[in-house]
N, C-alpha and C. Protein backbone atom coordinates (compact mmCIF):
# COMPACT_ATOMS: atom_id res chain seq x y z
N UNK A 1 2.16 -59.11 -106.43
CA UNK A 1 2.40 -60.03 -105.27
C UNK A 1 3.61 -58.72 -105.50
N UNK A 2 3.75 -58.63 -103.18
CA UNK A 2 4.38 -57.51 -102.99
C UNK A 2 5.91 -57.80 -103.40
N UNK A 3 6.70 -56.94 -103.42
CA UNK A 3 8.92 -56.70 -103.38
C UNK A 3 9.17 -57.67 -102.43
N UNK A 4 9.93 -58.33 -102.50
CA UNK A 4 10.72 -58.30 -101.91
C UNK A 4 11.88 -57.61 -101.28
N UNK A 5 11.52 -57.69 -99.26
CA UNK A 5 12.26 -56.41 -99.03
C UNK A 5 13.60 -56.76 -98.32
N UNK A 6 14.55 -56.47 -97.82
CA UNK A 6 15.83 -56.68 -97.44
C UNK A 6 15.26 -56.50 -95.85
N UNK A 7 15.77 -57.25 -94.70
CA UNK A 7 15.47 -56.72 -93.27
C UNK A 7 16.66 -55.61 -93.18
N UNK A 8 15.70 -54.55 -92.17
CA UNK A 8 17.35 -54.14 -91.85
C UNK A 8 18.30 -54.08 -90.96
N UNK A 9 19.35 -53.97 -91.03
CA UNK A 9 20.40 -54.01 -90.58
C UNK A 9 20.55 -53.49 -89.04
N UNK A 10 20.32 -53.94 -87.45
CA UNK A 10 20.23 -53.44 -86.35
C UNK A 10 21.13 -52.91 -86.08
N UNK A 11 20.88 -51.78 -85.27
CA UNK A 11 21.43 -51.24 -84.69
C UNK A 11 23.26 -51.63 -84.47
N UNK A 12 24.17 -51.16 -84.72
CA UNK A 12 25.58 -51.67 -83.78
C UNK A 12 25.91 -51.47 -82.52
N UNK A 13 26.58 -52.51 -82.01
CA UNK A 13 26.66 -52.37 -80.86
C UNK A 13 27.94 -51.07 -81.07
N UNK A 14 28.32 -50.61 -79.40
CA UNK A 14 29.31 -49.31 -79.29
C UNK A 14 30.45 -50.48 -79.45
N UNK A 15 30.79 -51.16 -79.37
CA UNK A 15 31.63 -52.21 -80.36
C UNK A 15 31.92 -51.83 -81.65
N UNK A 16 31.30 -52.03 -81.59
CA UNK A 16 31.51 -52.53 -83.38
C UNK A 16 30.93 -51.21 -83.86
N UNK A 17 30.48 -50.12 -83.45
CA UNK A 17 30.30 -49.19 -84.47
C UNK A 17 31.38 -48.26 -85.45
N UNK A 18 30.91 -47.88 -86.21
CA UNK A 18 32.43 -46.99 -87.13
C UNK A 18 33.12 -46.25 -85.94
N UNK A 19 33.92 -45.23 -85.58
CA UNK A 19 34.55 -44.86 -85.26
C UNK A 19 34.13 -43.16 -85.40
N UNK A 20 33.58 -42.44 -84.52
CA UNK A 20 33.06 -40.59 -84.91
C UNK A 20 33.97 -39.85 -84.70
N UNK A 21 34.39 -39.08 -85.11
CA UNK A 21 35.63 -38.13 -86.19
C UNK A 21 35.22 -36.56 -85.51
N UNK A 22 36.26 -35.99 -85.10
CA UNK A 22 36.76 -34.32 -85.16
C UNK A 22 37.62 -34.27 -85.89
N UNK A 23 37.93 -32.61 -85.44
CA UNK A 23 38.02 -31.63 -86.37
C UNK A 23 39.52 -31.45 -85.44
N UNK A 24 40.60 -31.13 -85.63
CA UNK A 24 41.34 -30.76 -85.48
C UNK A 24 41.80 -28.74 -85.98
N UNK A 25 41.57 -27.74 -85.32
CA UNK A 25 41.06 -26.18 -85.48
C UNK A 25 42.15 -25.77 -85.70
N UNK A 26 43.50 -26.10 -85.34
CA UNK A 26 44.54 -25.21 -85.83
C UNK A 26 46.14 -25.84 -85.80
N UNK A 27 47.09 -25.27 -86.13
CA UNK A 27 48.47 -25.66 -86.15
C UNK A 27 49.15 -26.60 -87.80
N UNK A 28 49.81 -27.07 -87.29
CA UNK A 28 50.35 -28.20 -88.48
C UNK A 28 49.25 -28.87 -89.07
N UNK A 29 48.14 -29.41 -88.89
CA UNK A 29 47.06 -30.59 -89.43
C UNK A 29 45.91 -29.16 -88.93
N UNK A 30 46.22 -28.55 -88.50
CA UNK A 30 45.16 -27.83 -88.94
C UNK A 30 43.58 -28.21 -89.94
N UNK A 31 42.27 -28.62 -89.74
CA UNK A 31 41.70 -28.71 -90.91
C UNK A 31 41.39 -30.64 -90.83
N UNK A 32 42.53 -31.30 -90.17
CA UNK A 32 42.68 -32.87 -90.50
C UNK A 32 41.70 -33.36 -89.33
N UNK A 33 40.51 -34.27 -89.92
CA UNK A 33 39.93 -34.76 -89.71
C UNK A 33 40.73 -36.10 -89.07
N UNK A 34 40.05 -36.45 -87.57
CA UNK A 34 40.78 -37.57 -87.00
C UNK A 34 39.65 -38.89 -86.05
N UNK A 35 40.01 -39.71 -85.96
CA UNK A 35 38.86 -40.79 -85.70
C UNK A 35 38.87 -41.10 -83.95
N UNK A 36 37.67 -40.66 -83.16
CA UNK A 36 37.56 -41.52 -82.06
C UNK A 36 36.59 -42.46 -81.41
N UNK A 37 37.07 -43.77 -80.46
CA UNK A 37 35.69 -44.49 -80.70
C UNK A 37 34.23 -43.49 -80.09
N UNK A 38 33.61 -45.13 -80.52
CA UNK A 38 32.45 -43.76 -80.05
C UNK A 38 31.88 -44.72 -78.98
N UNK A 39 32.69 -44.16 -77.67
CA UNK A 39 32.38 -44.33 -76.04
C UNK A 39 30.98 -43.61 -75.67
N UNK A 40 29.96 -44.43 -74.84
CA UNK A 40 29.54 -44.21 -74.12
C UNK A 40 30.00 -43.08 -73.18
N UNK A 41 28.94 -42.06 -73.35
CA UNK A 41 29.32 -41.35 -72.80
C UNK A 41 30.55 -39.98 -72.86
N UNK A 42 31.80 -40.39 -73.80
CA UNK A 42 32.47 -40.05 -74.36
C UNK A 42 32.40 -38.40 -74.98
N UNK A 43 32.35 -37.42 -74.51
CA UNK A 43 32.09 -35.82 -75.02
C UNK A 43 33.79 -35.22 -75.26
N UNK A 44 33.63 -35.19 -76.36
CA UNK A 44 35.19 -34.27 -76.99
C UNK A 44 34.77 -32.73 -76.37
N UNK A 45 35.75 -32.30 -76.28
CA UNK A 45 36.04 -30.15 -76.15
C UNK A 45 35.18 -30.53 -77.58
N UNK A 46 34.37 -29.29 -77.78
CA UNK A 46 33.78 -28.65 -78.74
C UNK A 46 35.09 -27.55 -79.54
N UNK A 47 34.33 -27.61 -81.22
CA UNK A 47 35.73 -26.45 -81.31
C UNK A 47 35.44 -25.28 -80.63
N UNK A 48 34.60 -24.16 -80.30
CA UNK A 48 34.51 -23.24 -80.52
C UNK A 48 35.91 -23.16 -78.25
N UNK A 49 35.24 -23.97 -77.86
CA UNK A 49 34.95 -24.38 -76.86
C UNK A 49 36.94 -24.23 -76.85
N UNK A 50 37.46 -25.25 -77.49
CA UNK A 50 38.98 -25.12 -77.99
C UNK A 50 39.15 -24.81 -79.05
N UNK A 51 38.64 -23.20 -79.51
CA UNK A 51 39.77 -22.20 -79.95
C UNK A 51 39.78 -21.04 -78.91
N UNK A 52 39.11 -21.03 -77.60
CA UNK A 52 38.95 -20.41 -76.51
C UNK A 52 39.99 -20.37 -76.05
N UNK A 53 39.95 -21.85 -75.66
CA UNK A 53 41.48 -22.53 -74.32
C UNK A 53 42.40 -22.63 -75.58
N UNK A 54 42.91 -23.05 -77.12
CA UNK A 54 44.22 -22.59 -77.00
C UNK A 54 44.69 -21.25 -78.12
N UNK A 55 43.65 -20.47 -77.71
CA UNK A 55 44.12 -18.78 -77.75
C UNK A 55 44.31 -18.41 -76.14
N UNK A 56 43.94 -18.67 -74.69
CA UNK A 56 44.30 -18.66 -73.78
C UNK A 56 45.38 -19.13 -73.42
N UNK A 57 46.49 -20.09 -74.43
CA UNK A 57 47.74 -20.77 -74.36
C UNK A 57 48.40 -20.87 -75.24
N UNK A 58 48.78 -19.85 -76.37
CA UNK A 58 49.00 -20.07 -77.51
C UNK A 58 51.09 -19.83 -77.59
N UNK A 59 50.83 -18.92 -76.21
CA UNK A 59 52.23 -18.22 -76.52
C UNK A 59 52.43 -19.42 -75.21
N UNK A 60 52.21 -20.45 -74.78
CA UNK A 60 52.63 -21.56 -73.93
C UNK A 60 53.16 -22.54 -74.36
N UNK A 61 52.39 -23.13 -75.51
CA UNK A 61 52.50 -25.28 -76.15
C UNK A 61 53.74 -24.47 -76.76
N UNK A 62 54.45 -23.59 -77.84
CA UNK A 62 55.38 -24.13 -78.28
C UNK A 62 56.37 -24.24 -77.43
N UNK A 63 56.54 -25.92 -77.35
CA UNK A 63 57.96 -26.63 -76.97
C UNK A 63 57.80 -27.52 -75.37
N UNK A 64 56.81 -27.01 -75.18
CA UNK A 64 55.64 -27.24 -74.28
C UNK A 64 55.95 -29.06 -73.84
N UNK A 65 55.85 -29.83 -72.53
CA UNK A 65 55.32 -30.82 -72.14
C UNK A 65 54.24 -31.32 -71.69
N UNK A 66 53.15 -31.67 -72.29
CA UNK A 66 51.51 -31.73 -71.38
C UNK A 66 51.50 -32.78 -71.54
N UNK A 67 50.61 -32.71 -70.79
CA UNK A 67 49.60 -34.37 -69.93
C UNK A 67 47.68 -34.35 -70.09
N UNK A 68 47.41 -34.86 -70.99
CA UNK A 68 45.93 -35.03 -71.40
C UNK A 68 45.72 -36.00 -70.74
N UNK A 69 44.72 -35.70 -68.92
CA UNK A 69 44.75 -36.91 -68.21
C UNK A 69 43.25 -37.61 -68.08
N UNK A 70 42.50 -37.33 -69.08
CA UNK A 70 41.27 -37.89 -69.24
C UNK A 70 40.92 -38.11 -70.75
N UNK A 71 41.64 -38.67 -71.70
CA UNK A 71 41.98 -37.88 -72.81
C UNK A 71 41.37 -38.21 -74.05
N UNK A 72 40.65 -39.89 -73.51
CA UNK A 72 39.23 -39.66 -74.23
C UNK A 72 39.48 -39.95 -75.95
N UNK A 73 38.76 -39.16 -76.38
CA UNK A 73 39.31 -38.77 -77.63
C UNK A 73 41.16 -38.10 -77.87
N UNK A 74 41.00 -37.52 -77.40
CA UNK A 74 42.41 -36.96 -77.56
C UNK A 74 42.32 -35.37 -78.19
N UNK A 75 40.93 -34.68 -78.36
CA UNK A 75 40.99 -33.67 -78.51
C UNK A 75 41.84 -32.72 -77.92
N UNK A 76 41.76 -32.59 -77.24
CA UNK A 76 42.82 -31.29 -75.94
C UNK A 76 44.38 -31.54 -76.85
N UNK A 77 44.42 -32.88 -76.42
CA UNK A 77 46.60 -33.06 -76.87
C UNK A 77 46.50 -33.57 -78.51
N UNK A 78 45.70 -33.83 -78.55
CA UNK A 78 46.50 -33.98 -80.32
C UNK A 78 46.20 -32.04 -80.51
N UNK A 79 45.67 -31.22 -79.97
CA UNK A 79 45.34 -30.25 -80.89
C UNK A 79 46.88 -29.60 -80.30
N UNK A 80 47.08 -29.46 -78.73
CA UNK A 80 48.01 -29.32 -78.86
C UNK A 80 49.58 -29.76 -79.42
N UNK A 81 50.11 -30.57 -79.44
CA UNK A 81 50.43 -31.47 -80.48
C UNK A 81 50.50 -30.04 -81.60
N UNK A 82 49.29 -30.56 -82.51
CA UNK A 82 49.11 -29.63 -83.93
C UNK A 82 49.61 -28.29 -83.41
N UNK A 83 49.66 -28.06 -82.36
CA UNK A 83 49.99 -26.14 -81.94
C UNK A 83 51.65 -26.17 -81.64
N UNK A 84 52.33 -27.25 -81.73
CA UNK A 84 53.92 -26.98 -81.19
C UNK A 84 54.26 -27.25 -79.73
N UNK A 85 53.05 -27.75 -79.02
CA UNK A 85 53.92 -29.38 -78.14
C UNK A 85 55.09 -30.08 -78.55
N UNK A 86 55.68 -29.75 -77.19
CA UNK A 86 57.27 -30.56 -77.99
C UNK A 86 56.22 -32.60 -77.40
N UNK A 87 55.40 -33.14 -76.53
CA UNK A 87 55.14 -33.87 -75.86
C UNK A 87 53.82 -33.68 -75.22
N UNK A 88 53.28 -34.43 -75.67
CA UNK A 88 51.86 -35.15 -74.80
C UNK A 88 51.87 -36.27 -74.27
N UNK A 89 51.49 -36.38 -73.34
CA UNK A 89 51.20 -38.28 -72.29
C UNK A 89 49.69 -38.88 -73.07
N UNK A 90 49.53 -38.76 -73.07
CA UNK A 90 46.94 -38.66 -73.23
C UNK A 90 47.35 -40.53 -72.33
N UNK A 91 46.85 -40.28 -70.92
CA UNK A 91 45.73 -41.07 -70.32
C UNK A 91 44.62 -41.75 -70.01
N UNK A 92 44.15 -42.44 -70.60
CA UNK A 92 43.09 -42.22 -70.65
C UNK A 92 42.55 -44.59 -70.37
N UNK A 93 41.60 -44.93 -69.19
CA UNK A 93 41.32 -45.95 -69.17
C UNK A 93 40.74 -46.89 -70.42
N UNK A 94 39.75 -46.76 -70.74
CA UNK A 94 38.97 -47.01 -71.65
C UNK A 94 40.15 -48.09 -73.01
N UNK A 95 39.93 -49.25 -72.82
CA UNK A 95 40.72 -49.79 -73.53
C UNK A 95 40.92 -49.69 -75.51
N UNK A 96 39.01 -49.17 -75.92
CA UNK A 96 39.19 -49.04 -76.86
C UNK A 96 39.20 -47.50 -77.23
N UNK A 97 38.92 -46.79 -76.59
CA UNK A 97 39.50 -45.93 -76.70
C UNK A 97 40.85 -45.15 -76.26
N UNK A 98 41.61 -45.81 -75.79
CA UNK A 98 43.19 -45.58 -75.93
C UNK A 98 43.89 -46.36 -76.86
N UNK A 99 43.09 -47.14 -77.71
CA UNK A 99 44.21 -48.27 -79.27
C UNK A 99 43.62 -47.23 -80.03
N UNK A 100 42.36 -47.01 -80.12
CA UNK A 100 41.87 -45.37 -81.44
C UNK A 100 42.49 -44.60 -81.89
N UNK A 101 42.97 -44.20 -80.05
CA UNK A 101 43.64 -43.37 -80.12
C UNK A 101 46.15 -42.45 -80.58
N UNK A 102 45.73 -44.51 -80.37
CA UNK A 102 46.71 -44.93 -80.69
C UNK A 102 47.55 -44.94 -82.68
N UNK A 103 46.17 -45.78 -83.27
CA UNK A 103 45.84 -45.17 -84.19
C UNK A 103 46.59 -44.27 -85.04
N UNK A 104 45.57 -42.82 -84.28
CA UNK A 104 45.72 -41.81 -85.16
C UNK A 104 46.86 -41.35 -84.76
N UNK A 105 47.49 -41.41 -83.70
CA UNK A 105 48.86 -40.59 -84.15
C UNK A 105 50.11 -41.71 -84.99
N UNK A 106 49.50 -42.70 -85.22
CA UNK A 106 50.32 -43.60 -85.97
C UNK A 106 50.46 -42.38 -87.29
N UNK A 107 48.98 -42.56 -87.42
CA UNK A 107 48.29 -41.80 -89.21
C UNK A 107 49.17 -40.67 -89.03
N UNK A 108 48.94 -39.83 -87.79
CA UNK A 108 49.81 -38.37 -88.26
C UNK A 108 51.41 -38.36 -88.10
N UNK A 109 51.81 -39.78 -88.19
CA UNK A 109 53.13 -39.45 -87.47
C UNK A 109 54.00 -38.61 -86.56
N UNK A 110 52.80 -38.48 -85.49
CA UNK A 110 53.12 -37.74 -84.49
C UNK A 110 53.90 -38.39 -83.13
N UNK A 111 55.61 -39.05 -83.70
CA UNK A 111 56.01 -39.55 -82.64
C UNK A 111 56.32 -38.83 -81.44
N UNK A 112 55.55 -37.32 -81.02
CA UNK A 112 55.16 -36.83 -79.70
C UNK A 112 54.82 -37.21 -79.15
N UNK A 113 53.75 -37.64 -79.10
CA UNK A 113 52.81 -37.98 -78.74
C UNK A 113 52.89 -39.81 -77.77
N UNK A 114 52.16 -39.77 -76.19
CA UNK A 114 52.37 -41.51 -75.71
C UNK A 114 51.26 -41.62 -75.09
N UNK A 115 50.67 -42.71 -75.62
CA UNK A 115 49.42 -43.44 -74.62
C UNK A 115 49.58 -44.52 -73.64
N UNK A 116 49.06 -44.08 -72.39
CA UNK A 116 48.77 -44.67 -70.78
C UNK A 116 47.07 -45.48 -70.69
N UNK A 117 47.59 -46.86 -70.95
CA UNK A 117 46.38 -47.32 -71.10
C UNK A 117 45.87 -47.48 -69.14
N UNK A 118 45.84 -46.00 -68.44
CA UNK A 118 45.37 -46.46 -67.58
C UNK A 118 44.42 -45.44 -66.50
N UNK A 119 44.17 -45.55 -65.34
CA UNK A 119 43.29 -45.06 -65.28
C UNK A 119 43.70 -43.77 -64.65
N UNK A 120 43.15 -42.46 -64.58
CA UNK A 120 44.22 -41.23 -64.39
C UNK A 120 44.69 -40.94 -63.18
N UNK A 121 44.53 -42.19 -61.73
CA UNK A 121 44.91 -42.16 -60.30
C UNK A 121 46.04 -42.96 -60.25
N UNK A 122 46.17 -44.00 -61.30
CA UNK A 122 47.95 -44.43 -61.37
C UNK A 122 48.60 -43.97 -61.96
N UNK A 123 48.65 -43.27 -63.08
CA UNK A 123 49.48 -42.20 -63.73
C UNK A 123 49.71 -41.59 -62.95
N UNK A 124 49.10 -40.35 -62.13
CA UNK A 124 49.87 -39.42 -61.00
C UNK A 124 50.31 -40.54 -60.11
N UNK A 125 50.44 -41.19 -59.69
CA UNK A 125 50.99 -42.25 -58.73
C UNK A 125 52.44 -42.01 -59.01
N UNK A 126 52.48 -42.79 -60.31
CA UNK A 126 54.52 -42.68 -61.42
C UNK A 126 54.80 -41.49 -61.29
N UNK A 127 56.35 -41.65 -60.82
CA UNK A 127 57.37 -40.86 -60.68
C UNK A 127 57.10 -40.33 -62.51
N UNK A 128 57.85 -38.88 -62.87
CA UNK A 128 58.56 -38.55 -64.27
C UNK A 128 58.55 -37.02 -63.45
N UNK A 129 59.06 -36.33 -65.54
CA UNK A 129 59.10 -34.65 -64.70
C UNK A 129 58.75 -34.04 -65.26
N UNK A 130 57.89 -32.72 -64.88
CA UNK A 130 57.28 -32.02 -64.70
C UNK A 130 56.69 -31.56 -65.62
N UNK A 131 55.20 -31.55 -65.57
CA UNK A 131 54.40 -31.05 -67.41
C UNK A 131 54.60 -29.06 -66.97
N UNK A 132 54.63 -28.92 -68.02
CA UNK A 132 54.39 -27.41 -68.08
C UNK A 132 52.45 -27.27 -68.78
N UNK A 133 51.34 -27.81 -68.90
CA UNK A 133 50.38 -27.58 -69.52
C UNK A 133 49.84 -29.51 -69.23
N UNK A 134 48.67 -28.90 -68.15
CA UNK A 134 47.99 -30.18 -67.37
C UNK A 134 46.27 -29.98 -68.03
N UNK A 135 45.83 -31.00 -68.84
CA UNK A 135 43.90 -30.60 -69.15
C UNK A 135 43.22 -31.72 -68.69
N UNK A 136 42.36 -31.32 -67.55
CA UNK A 136 41.61 -32.29 -66.46
C UNK A 136 40.43 -31.98 -66.87
N UNK A 137 39.52 -33.16 -67.75
CA UNK A 137 38.72 -32.62 -68.07
C UNK A 137 37.77 -34.57 -67.99
N UNK A 138 37.64 -34.54 -66.42
CA UNK A 138 37.24 -36.02 -66.69
C UNK A 138 35.81 -36.47 -66.79
N UNK A 139 35.26 -37.09 -66.94
CA UNK A 139 34.27 -37.89 -66.82
C UNK A 139 32.46 -37.10 -66.08
N UNK A 140 32.18 -36.37 -66.85
CA UNK A 140 30.94 -35.10 -65.80
C UNK A 140 30.67 -36.02 -64.69
N UNK A 141 30.10 -36.82 -64.95
CA UNK A 141 29.47 -37.52 -64.28
C UNK A 141 29.35 -38.29 -63.21
N UNK A 142 30.82 -38.47 -63.27
CA UNK A 142 32.18 -39.29 -62.02
C UNK A 142 32.35 -38.48 -60.61
N UNK A 143 32.49 -36.94 -60.84
CA UNK A 143 32.53 -35.93 -59.74
C UNK A 143 33.88 -36.44 -59.70
N UNK A 144 35.24 -36.56 -59.73
CA UNK A 144 36.19 -36.60 -60.05
C UNK A 144 37.27 -35.34 -59.94
N UNK A 145 37.51 -34.50 -60.33
CA UNK A 145 37.62 -32.52 -59.91
C UNK A 145 38.33 -32.87 -58.66
N UNK A 146 38.09 -32.74 -57.85
CA UNK A 146 38.79 -32.61 -56.23
C UNK A 146 39.45 -34.02 -56.34
N UNK A 147 39.02 -35.29 -56.53
CA UNK A 147 40.53 -36.06 -56.28
C UNK A 147 41.57 -35.78 -57.60
N UNK A 148 40.89 -35.57 -58.66
CA UNK A 148 41.99 -35.58 -59.59
C UNK A 148 43.05 -33.99 -59.14
N UNK A 149 42.32 -33.10 -58.86
CA UNK A 149 43.54 -32.16 -59.06
C UNK A 149 44.65 -32.57 -56.88
N UNK A 150 43.68 -32.47 -56.57
CA UNK A 150 45.20 -33.13 -55.59
C UNK A 150 45.99 -34.44 -55.92
N UNK A 151 45.23 -35.16 -56.57
CA UNK A 151 46.16 -36.41 -56.55
C UNK A 151 47.96 -35.62 -57.92
N UNK A 152 47.50 -35.02 -58.41
CA UNK A 152 47.94 -33.85 -59.10
C UNK A 152 49.25 -33.32 -58.18
N UNK A 153 48.59 -32.50 -57.30
CA UNK A 153 49.47 -31.66 -56.34
C UNK A 153 50.48 -32.76 -56.07
N UNK A 154 50.17 -33.66 -55.20
CA UNK A 154 50.55 -35.13 -54.24
C UNK A 154 52.04 -35.62 -55.75
N UNK A 155 51.62 -35.98 -57.03
CA UNK A 155 52.48 -36.43 -57.57
C UNK A 155 53.81 -35.51 -58.29
N UNK A 156 53.68 -34.49 -57.75
CA UNK A 156 55.12 -34.10 -57.97
C UNK A 156 55.42 -33.74 -59.06
N UNK A 157 54.10 -33.23 -60.16
CA UNK A 157 54.87 -33.45 -61.54
C UNK A 157 54.16 -32.01 -62.40
N UNK A 158 54.10 -31.12 -61.13
CA UNK A 158 54.08 -29.47 -61.62
C UNK A 158 54.84 -29.69 -61.26
N UNK A 159 55.42 -28.03 -62.10
CA UNK A 159 56.51 -27.03 -62.16
C UNK A 159 56.14 -25.85 -61.60
N UNK A 160 56.98 -25.29 -60.90
CA UNK A 160 56.45 -23.78 -61.16
C UNK A 160 55.79 -22.91 -62.20
N UNK A 161 54.35 -22.28 -62.57
CA UNK A 161 54.30 -22.03 -63.36
C UNK A 161 53.25 -22.75 -63.94
N UNK A 162 53.54 -24.31 -64.14
CA UNK A 162 52.69 -25.41 -64.74
C UNK A 162 51.12 -25.40 -64.74
N UNK A 163 50.36 -24.65 -66.11
CA UNK A 163 49.11 -24.54 -66.06
C UNK A 163 48.03 -25.72 -66.08
N UNK A 164 47.48 -25.15 -65.79
CA UNK A 164 46.38 -26.32 -65.46
C UNK A 164 45.36 -26.27 -65.99
N UNK A 165 44.07 -26.82 -67.04
CA UNK A 165 43.01 -26.59 -67.51
C UNK A 165 42.21 -27.31 -67.25
N UNK A 166 40.58 -26.89 -66.54
CA UNK A 166 39.30 -27.75 -65.61
C UNK A 166 37.96 -27.10 -66.11
N UNK A 167 37.30 -28.66 -67.48
CA UNK A 167 36.78 -28.56 -67.42
C UNK A 167 35.02 -29.38 -66.84
N UNK A 168 34.15 -28.18 -66.78
CA UNK A 168 32.64 -29.15 -65.81
C UNK A 168 32.15 -28.33 -66.19
N UNK A 169 31.25 -29.34 -66.20
CA UNK A 169 29.48 -28.58 -65.78
C UNK A 169 29.54 -27.06 -65.49
N UNK A 170 28.44 -26.62 -65.97
CA UNK A 170 28.24 -24.83 -65.76
C UNK A 170 28.48 -24.65 -64.45
N UNK A 171 27.60 -25.37 -63.63
CA UNK A 171 27.34 -24.69 -61.86
C UNK A 171 28.62 -25.63 -60.93
N UNK A 172 29.47 -26.60 -61.82
CA UNK A 172 29.95 -27.37 -60.54
C UNK A 172 31.09 -26.03 -59.55
N UNK A 173 30.93 -26.48 -58.26
CA UNK A 173 32.35 -25.67 -57.56
C UNK A 173 33.11 -26.08 -57.76
N UNK A 174 34.44 -25.24 -58.24
CA UNK A 174 35.90 -26.01 -57.83
C UNK A 174 36.98 -26.06 -57.14
N UNK A 175 36.87 -26.49 -55.64
CA UNK A 175 37.62 -26.34 -54.99
C UNK A 175 39.29 -26.25 -55.47
N UNK A 176 40.14 -24.98 -56.15
CA UNK A 176 41.40 -25.24 -56.25
C UNK A 176 42.40 -25.87 -54.99
N UNK A 177 43.83 -26.28 -55.23
CA UNK A 177 44.98 -27.06 -54.09
C UNK A 177 44.90 -25.32 -53.80
N UNK A 178 45.84 -24.93 -52.26
CA UNK A 178 46.30 -24.20 -52.14
C UNK A 178 47.10 -23.30 -53.19
N UNK A 179 46.92 -22.17 -52.92
CA UNK A 179 48.18 -21.51 -53.93
C UNK A 179 48.37 -21.70 -55.42
N UNK A 180 46.91 -21.50 -56.45
CA UNK A 180 47.27 -21.95 -57.37
C UNK A 180 46.28 -20.49 -57.91
N UNK A 181 46.38 -19.77 -58.94
CA UNK A 181 45.58 -18.73 -59.49
C UNK A 181 44.91 -19.10 -60.45
N UNK A 182 43.58 -19.05 -60.57
CA UNK A 182 43.11 -18.93 -61.43
C UNK A 182 42.83 -17.78 -62.14
N UNK A 183 43.83 -17.94 -63.91
CA UNK A 183 44.32 -16.87 -64.98
C UNK A 183 43.18 -16.22 -65.47
N UNK A 184 42.39 -17.77 -66.08
CA UNK A 184 41.05 -17.47 -67.11
C UNK A 184 39.81 -18.00 -66.99
N UNK A 185 38.46 -17.96 -67.19
CA UNK A 185 37.89 -18.38 -66.25
C UNK A 185 36.85 -17.95 -67.71
N UNK A 186 35.59 -19.25 -67.68
CA UNK A 186 34.48 -18.99 -69.39
C UNK A 186 33.59 -20.09 -69.14
N UNK A 187 32.30 -19.63 -69.02
CA UNK A 187 30.87 -20.45 -69.55
C UNK A 187 30.60 -20.73 -70.89
N UNK A 188 30.33 -21.38 -70.74
CA UNK A 188 29.61 -21.42 -72.47
C UNK A 188 28.75 -22.84 -72.52
N UNK A 189 27.40 -22.67 -72.91
CA UNK A 189 26.19 -23.45 -72.73
C UNK A 189 26.53 -23.80 -70.82
N UNK A 190 26.48 -25.37 -70.91
CA UNK A 190 26.02 -25.80 -70.11
C UNK A 190 27.55 -25.84 -69.30
N UNK A 191 28.66 -25.92 -69.95
CA UNK A 191 29.88 -25.99 -69.68
C UNK A 191 30.67 -24.69 -68.72
N UNK A 192 31.88 -25.02 -67.59
CA UNK A 192 32.78 -24.26 -67.12
C UNK A 192 33.92 -24.43 -67.93
N UNK A 193 34.88 -23.50 -68.44
CA UNK A 193 36.14 -23.45 -68.45
C UNK A 193 36.80 -22.69 -67.67
N UNK A 194 37.91 -23.31 -66.96
CA UNK A 194 39.29 -22.65 -66.09
C UNK A 194 40.44 -22.40 -66.55
N UNK A 195 41.27 -21.86 -66.18
CA UNK A 195 42.29 -22.47 -66.52
C UNK A 195 43.48 -21.21 -64.74
N UNK A 196 44.11 -22.75 -64.68
CA UNK A 196 45.15 -21.86 -63.58
C UNK A 196 46.43 -22.06 -63.74
N UNK A 197 47.67 -21.30 -63.06
CA UNK A 197 48.76 -21.20 -62.69
C UNK A 197 48.68 -21.54 -61.34
N UNK A 198 50.26 -22.87 -61.63
CA UNK A 198 50.90 -23.17 -60.03
C UNK A 198 51.09 -22.64 -59.81
C-alpha cells in the first residue's frame, strides 16, 4: 500500500516570504545580520563593494549627516550608522521595504536613523539641512541617475564638500552635474562605483 505523501507547500509570494538577510561588515554592529524585505529587483550592495566604499569614506563618516536615497535593504545607510554617522535619512518608496527597515532600526536601537516612505524626487523637493554624504543606488532598470543627480543639485541639500556615491551598471555613462569632481572610481564585476565631491 503506498505511503500517504503530504503535498509540497506552494512557493510563497513575495508578500509572505521570509525576510532575506545581509551582514553589516564594520563598526559597532560588525557581523550583525539584519533583515530586509524580499522585494523583486531589490539588490543590496555586496560585501566586497561595501568594503571598498566604506574604506573610501572612513575619515568622512564620524558625526556625518547622511542620505540613503534609494534605501531598499538599507545596507549603505546601516553601514554608515555602524561606522559613526550622526544621522541617516533612509528614503524608500516600497512600503514593505520601508516597514522592514524601520523594524531593523528599532532592533538595533538606532535612533539616529529615520525612514521616509516616499519617492526620491518627493523627498529631494523638500527643504532641510545639508548632507555630508549621499548614497545614490537606484533600481538599475529605471535609468534614474541623471534625474536624481540633477534633483539633488536643485534641492540645495548639498554643502561644499558633500560626497555623493553613485552605483550603476558597469557600462552606464554618468553625466555628473557641473562642478562635481570625481574622487574615486572602481568597476567590480558588472557594477561601477563612483564617488564625487560637490
